[in-house]
Amino acid sequence: RKLNMKFSIEIPQTVKEALELNQRNGNSYWRDAIKKEYDNVKVAFELLEEGQRPLPAYTEITCHLIFEVKFDLRRKARFVVGGHVIDSSGHTTYSSTIKDLSVRLMLLIAVKNELGIMAGDIGNAFCTAPCAEKIWSVAGDQFGTRKGSIVVLKRALYGLKTASASFHQFLGDFLREMGFTPSRADQDLWLRKSDEHKGYDYIATHVDDIIIVAKNPSKYMTHIEQHFQVRDVTDSPSYYLGNDLVRRGKLIHLSTKNYVKEVLRKYQEKYGALAKE
C-alpha cells in the first residue's frame, strides 16, 4: 500500500501497524498516544461482563483509532465511532458555533470597559456529554486484555452524528447553571449581569473553544476547570478562531496573518506534492 506520510513520519492505519512502527523505530510514541487517548475516553465505555449482552434496542457499531502527527511532531491517536451506520434521524444533529463578528464585538466591549480576557479549550469535550444513541461495540486492540469484550457507549464520541449537538447542549446547560443566558443575536455568545461592575460578563463558545470576557474571568474559568479538563488556559490569548490578538497598550489589534499563512502552507503541502508527482 501507499505510505501515509506527514513531516516525513509514517502514519499507521491500525493499532497493529502503530505498534510495529514503534518496534521498528525503537520508540514508544504511537503506543503512548494510544494509551493517552484510551485513558481520556475510557469513561465513555461500559464494559459488560463475560456472557452479558446489550439490550435488543441497542445497535452494534464499529470503532477504530485514527492517527495523526501534530505540527510539533507529537503523535496523536483519536478514538472514532462508525456513526455512519447509525440512524440518527430521531435526534438533533445540528450544532451552532460563535460568529466571528460576535467575538470581535465582545473584544471591543472588553477594551472599552477594561475587562479581562481568558481563553482555553475543553479537552476530550464530546466524552463529557451523554450519548444520544443506544449503541454497543466489540472492544478492539486498544482495550488490551479486555479485547473482545462487549462495550456499551455511555458518552458521545467523535464519529457520531449527534456528538457535537450533545456536547453543545451539555455545555449550554452547564453555562445556564452558572447564571449565563445566550444572547438574542448569537446563541453561542453567553452573558450574565456582572457582580463586579455595572455591565455584563461574557463567555463565547466555539465547540470546545471558550473565551471569557469579565472583570474577573479567572473566577469563571476556575469553576469550569472543576467540571471539565481545560487545556491551554491563558489570560493573554494571542490567537482565537483565526484571529491574531496583539495588545498595543490598552488596545487589541486583530488580524488574520497567521491564519492566512497556515492556509497557504496547507495549500502548498497538498498541491505542491501533487505537482511533484
Protein backbone atom coordinates (compact mmCIF):
# COMPACT_ATOMS: atom_id res chain seq x y z
CA ARG A 1 0.00 0.00 0.00
CA LYS A 2 0.99 3.64 -0.42
CA LEU A 3 2.57 5.02 2.75
CA ASN A 4 0.75 7.84 4.52
CA MET A 5 3.46 10.36 5.47
CA LYS A 6 3.44 13.69 7.26
CA PHE A 7 6.51 15.71 8.21
CA SER A 8 8.50 12.71 6.89
CA ILE A 9 6.87 10.48 9.56
CA GLU A 10 4.91 7.39 8.56
CA ILE A 11 1.35 7.41 9.90
CA PRO A 12 -0.14 3.97 10.73
CA GLN A 13 -3.62 2.88 9.73
CA THR A 14 -4.22 0.38 12.54
CA VAL A 15 -3.13 -0.28 16.11
CA LYS A 16 -1.07 -3.25 14.87
CA GLU A 17 0.80 -1.05 12.39
CA ALA A 18 1.37 1.59 15.09
CA LEU A 19 2.99 -0.94 17.43
CA GLU A 20 5.09 -2.35 14.57
CA LEU A 21 6.37 1.16 13.81
CA ASN A 22 7.32 1.58 17.48
CA GLN A 23 9.31 -1.64 17.36
CA ARG A 24 10.96 -0.73 14.07
CA ASN A 25 11.91 2.78 15.22
CA GLY A 26 12.89 1.80 18.75
CA ASN A 27 10.47 4.18 20.50
CA SER A 28 7.03 4.16 22.08
CA TYR A 29 5.50 7.32 20.53
CA TRP A 30 2.45 5.65 19.00
CA ARG A 31 1.92 3.34 21.98
CA ASP A 32 1.98 6.36 24.29
CA ALA A 33 -0.52 8.19 22.06
CA ILE A 34 -2.88 5.18 22.11
CA LYS A 35 -2.65 4.90 25.90
CA LYS A 36 -3.26 8.63 26.36
CA GLU A 37 -6.36 8.52 24.17
CA TYR A 38 -7.71 5.42 25.89
CA ASP A 39 -7.19 6.97 29.33
CA ASN A 40 -9.11 10.04 28.14
CA VAL A 41 -12.08 8.24 26.60
CA LYS A 42 -12.46 5.11 28.74
CA VAL A 43 -15.08 6.97 30.78
CA ALA A 44 -17.30 6.73 27.68
CA PHE A 45 -17.49 2.93 27.82
CA GLU A 46 -19.27 0.43 29.99
CA LEU A 47 -17.51 -2.92 29.67
CA LEU A 48 -20.02 -5.76 30.09
CA GLU A 49 -19.16 -8.95 31.94
CA GLU A 50 -18.41 -12.14 30.00
CA GLY A 51 -21.61 -13.61 28.59
CA GLN A 52 -23.60 -10.41 29.19
CA ARG A 53 -25.31 -8.92 26.13
CA PRO A 54 -26.68 -5.43 25.45
CA LEU A 55 -30.42 -4.87 25.32
CA PRO A 56 -32.19 -5.55 21.98
CA ALA A 57 -32.82 -1.82 21.48
CA TYR A 58 -29.08 -1.24 21.12
CA THR A 59 -27.36 -1.19 17.70
CA GLU A 60 -23.92 -2.64 17.02
CA ILE A 61 -21.29 -0.35 15.52
CA THR A 62 -17.58 -0.49 14.77
CA CYS A 63 -14.92 1.67 16.43
CA HIS A 64 -11.34 2.37 15.41
CA LEU A 65 -8.40 4.66 16.03
CA ILE A 66 -7.18 7.24 13.54
CA PHE A 67 -3.63 8.52 13.79
CA GLU A 68 -2.11 11.93 13.14
CA VAL A 69 1.18 13.80 13.53
CA LYS A 70 0.86 17.30 15.02
CA PHE A 71 2.92 20.25 13.81
CA ASP A 72 5.34 19.81 16.76
CA LEU A 73 5.78 16.12 15.75
CA ARG A 74 3.66 14.79 18.63
CA ARG A 75 1.84 11.59 17.72
CA LYS A 76 -1.92 11.74 18.15
CA ALA A 77 -4.47 8.92 18.32
CA ARG A 78 -8.20 9.62 18.14
CA PHE A 79 -10.89 7.08 19.01
CA VAL A 80 -13.65 7.30 16.40
CA VAL A 81 -17.05 5.67 16.20
CA GLY A 82 -18.53 4.47 12.90
CA GLY A 83 -21.56 6.70 13.26
CA HIS A 84 -22.42 6.43 9.55
CA VAL A 85 -24.20 3.12 10.22
CA ILE A 86 -26.49 4.60 12.88
CA ASP A 87 -29.91 6.03 12.08
CA SER A 88 -29.81 9.42 13.81
CA SER A 89 -32.97 10.79 12.17
CA GLY A 90 -34.74 10.87 15.53
CA HIS A 91 -32.05 13.02 17.13
CA THR A 92 -30.81 16.58 16.75
CA THR A 93 -27.52 16.70 14.88
CA TYR A 94 -27.14 20.45 14.27
CA SER A 95 -24.70 22.36 16.46
CA SER A 96 -24.09 26.09 16.06
CA THR A 97 -20.82 27.95 16.69
CA ILE A 98 -19.97 31.51 17.66
CA LYS A 99 -19.90 34.02 14.81
CA ASP A 100 -16.58 35.76 14.15
CA LEU A 101 -18.33 39.14 14.33
CA SER A 102 -19.65 38.30 17.83
CA VAL A 103 -16.10 37.58 19.03
CA ARG A 104 -14.84 40.87 17.61
CA LEU A 105 -17.68 42.82 19.25
CA MET A 106 -17.01 41.06 22.56
CA LEU A 107 -13.33 42.05 22.39
CA LEU A 108 -14.37 45.64 21.61
CA ILE A 109 -16.50 45.62 24.77
CA ALA A 110 -13.53 44.22 26.71
CA VAL A 111 -11.28 47.08 25.59
CA LYS A 112 -13.94 49.75 26.11
CA ASN A 113 -14.78 48.59 29.64
CA GLU A 114 -11.23 47.49 30.60
CA LEU A 115 -12.32 43.89 31.19
CA GLY A 116 -10.05 40.86 31.48
CA ILE A 117 -9.84 38.14 28.83
CA MET A 118 -9.17 34.41 29.32
CA ALA A 119 -9.28 31.58 26.80
CA GLY A 120 -8.87 27.81 26.74
CA ASP A 121 -10.22 24.68 25.14
CA ILE A 122 -12.03 21.74 26.72
CA GLY A 123 -10.10 18.51 26.27
CA ASN A 124 -11.96 15.43 25.02
CA ALA A 125 -15.08 17.54 25.04
CA PHE A 126 -17.50 15.12 23.42
CA CYS A 127 -16.97 12.41 26.04
CA THR A 128 -18.20 14.73 28.75
CA ALA A 129 -21.70 14.66 27.22
CA PRO A 130 -24.15 11.73 27.32
CA CYS A 131 -24.52 9.60 24.19
CA ALA A 132 -27.87 10.20 22.47
CA GLU A 133 -27.95 6.88 20.59
CA LYS A 134 -28.18 3.38 22.08
CA ILE A 135 -25.11 1.64 20.68
CA TRP A 136 -22.57 -1.04 21.51
CA SER A 137 -19.38 -2.42 20.03
CA VAL A 138 -16.72 -5.09 20.46
CA ALA A 139 -13.54 -3.96 22.25
CA GLY A 140 -10.51 -3.80 19.96
CA ASP A 141 -6.74 -3.94 20.46
CA GLN A 142 -6.70 -0.64 22.34
CA PHE A 143 -8.61 -2.29 25.22
CA GLY A 144 -5.68 -4.56 26.00
CA THR A 145 -6.68 -7.65 27.99
CA ARG A 146 -10.39 -6.77 27.59
CA LYS A 147 -10.16 -7.13 23.80
CA GLY A 148 -13.26 -8.91 22.52
CA SER A 149 -15.49 -7.75 25.38
CA ILE A 150 -18.85 -6.07 24.70
CA VAL A 151 -18.75 -2.33 25.34
CA VAL A 152 -21.78 -0.04 25.60
CA LEU A 153 -21.21 3.63 24.79
CA LYS A 154 -22.43 5.94 27.53
CA ARG A 155 -20.82 9.18 26.31
CA ALA A 156 -20.68 10.94 22.96
CA LEU A 157 -17.58 10.26 20.85
CA TYR A 158 -16.12 11.54 17.59
CA GLY A 159 -17.80 9.98 14.58
CA LEU A 160 -21.33 10.08 15.97
CA LYS A 161 -23.61 12.45 14.07
CA THR A 162 -25.11 13.64 17.35
CA ALA A 163 -21.81 14.12 19.24
CA SER A 164 -21.36 17.83 18.58
CA ALA A 165 -25.03 18.61 19.30
CA SER A 166 -24.94 16.56 22.52
CA PHE A 167 -21.90 18.43 23.78
CA HIS A 168 -23.36 21.79 22.71
CA GLN A 169 -26.49 21.14 24.77
CA PHE A 170 -24.49 19.73 27.70
CA LEU A 171 -22.18 22.77 27.84
CA GLY A 172 -25.14 25.11 27.42
CA ASP A 173 -26.92 23.56 30.40
CA PHE A 174 -23.72 23.99 32.43
CA LEU A 175 -23.42 27.68 31.50
CA ARG A 176 -27.05 28.25 32.46
CA GLU A 177 -26.28 26.78 35.89
CA MET A 178 -23.52 29.41 36.13
CA GLY A 179 -26.13 32.12 35.58
CA PHE A 180 -25.41 32.81 31.90
CA THR A 181 -28.01 33.09 29.16
CA PRO A 182 -27.45 33.09 25.38
CA SER A 183 -27.73 36.48 23.70
CA ARG A 184 -30.60 37.08 21.30
CA ALA A 185 -28.20 37.93 18.45
CA ASP A 186 -25.95 34.87 18.81
CA GLN A 187 -26.88 31.80 20.87
CA ASP A 188 -23.18 30.95 21.37
CA LEU A 189 -22.43 34.29 22.99
CA TRP A 190 -23.43 33.93 26.65
CA LEU A 191 -23.84 36.80 29.12
CA ARG A 192 -24.81 37.48 32.70
CA LYS A 193 -25.10 40.62 34.80
CA SER A 194 -21.76 41.14 36.46
CA ASP A 195 -21.36 41.13 40.23
CA GLU A 196 -18.26 43.33 39.97
CA HIS A 197 -19.16 46.15 37.56
CA LYS A 198 -22.22 47.79 36.05
CA GLY A 199 -22.10 45.86 32.78
CA TYR A 200 -22.14 42.22 31.77
CA ASP A 201 -19.69 39.32 31.80
CA TYR A 202 -19.42 37.21 28.63
CA ILE A 203 -18.48 33.68 27.55
CA ALA A 204 -18.22 32.74 23.87
CA THR A 205 -18.15 29.09 22.78
CA HIS A 206 -16.97 27.53 19.53
CA VAL A 207 -17.49 23.78 20.08
CA ASP A 208 -14.80 23.14 22.73
CA ASP A 209 -13.03 26.53 22.49
CA ILE A 210 -14.09 29.07 25.08
CA ILE A 211 -13.16 32.69 25.65
CA ILE A 212 -14.26 34.70 28.69
CA VAL A 213 -14.55 38.48 28.96
CA ALA A 214 -15.22 39.70 32.50
CA LYS A 215 -13.90 41.89 35.28
CA ASN A 216 -12.62 38.71 36.92
CA PRO A 217 -12.55 36.00 34.21
CA SER A 218 -10.46 33.60 36.33
CA LYS A 219 -13.47 33.18 38.64
CA TYR A 220 -15.47 31.62 35.82
CA MET A 221 -12.53 29.69 34.38
CA THR A 222 -11.78 28.12 37.76
CA HIS A 223 -15.39 26.95 38.03
CA ILE A 224 -15.28 25.48 34.50
CA GLU A 225 -12.00 23.70 35.29
CA GLN A 226 -13.66 21.99 38.24
CA HIS A 227 -16.03 20.22 35.84
CA PHE A 228 -14.05 19.96 32.58
CA GLN A 229 -10.47 19.31 31.57
CA VAL A 230 -9.48 22.71 30.16
CA ARG A 231 -6.23 22.96 28.20
CA ASP A 232 -4.03 25.86 27.12
CA VAL A 233 -5.62 28.29 29.58
CA THR A 234 -4.25 31.79 29.16
CA ASP A 235 -5.19 35.27 30.35
CA SER A 236 -3.43 36.82 27.36
CA PRO A 237 -4.68 34.92 24.30
CA SER A 238 -2.69 35.76 21.18
CA TYR A 239 -4.89 33.74 18.82
CA TYR A 240 -8.56 32.79 18.74
CA LEU A 241 -10.62 31.30 15.90
CA GLY A 242 -8.35 32.51 13.11
CA ASN A 243 -7.79 35.94 14.66
CA ASP A 244 -4.39 37.15 15.88
CA LEU A 245 -4.83 39.20 19.06
CA VAL A 246 -1.98 41.68 19.56
CA ARG A 247 -2.14 44.02 22.54
CA ARG A 248 -0.98 47.57 21.97
CA GLY A 249 -1.31 49.35 25.28
CA LYS A 250 -4.97 49.13 26.23
CA LEU A 251 -6.00 48.31 22.67
CA ILE A 252 -6.22 44.94 20.90
CA HIS A 253 -5.18 44.76 17.26
CA LEU A 254 -6.91 41.99 15.27
CA SER A 255 -5.53 40.41 12.12
CA THR A 256 -5.68 37.10 10.23
CA LYS A 257 -1.97 36.95 9.31
CA ASN A 258 -1.21 33.56 10.87
CA TYR A 259 -4.48 32.07 9.61
CA VAL A 260 -3.67 33.07 6.02
CA LYS A 261 -0.10 31.76 6.37
CA GLU A 262 -1.44 28.38 7.57
CA VAL A 263 -3.93 28.19 4.69
CA LEU A 264 -1.13 28.89 2.20
CA ARG A 265 1.11 26.31 3.90
CA LYS A 266 -1.56 23.60 3.65
CA TYR A 267 -2.27 24.56 0.03
CA GLN A 268 1.42 24.25 -0.83
CA GLU A 269 1.71 20.99 1.12
CA LYS A 270 -1.21 19.45 -0.75
CA TYR A 271 -0.89 20.79 -4.27
CA GLY A 272 2.89 21.12 -4.25
CA ALA A 273 3.18 17.39 -3.54
CA LEU A 274 0.72 16.62 -6.34
CA ALA A 275 2.74 18.76 -8.76
CA LYS A 276 5.89 16.78 -7.92
CA GLU A 277 4.10 13.52 -8.66
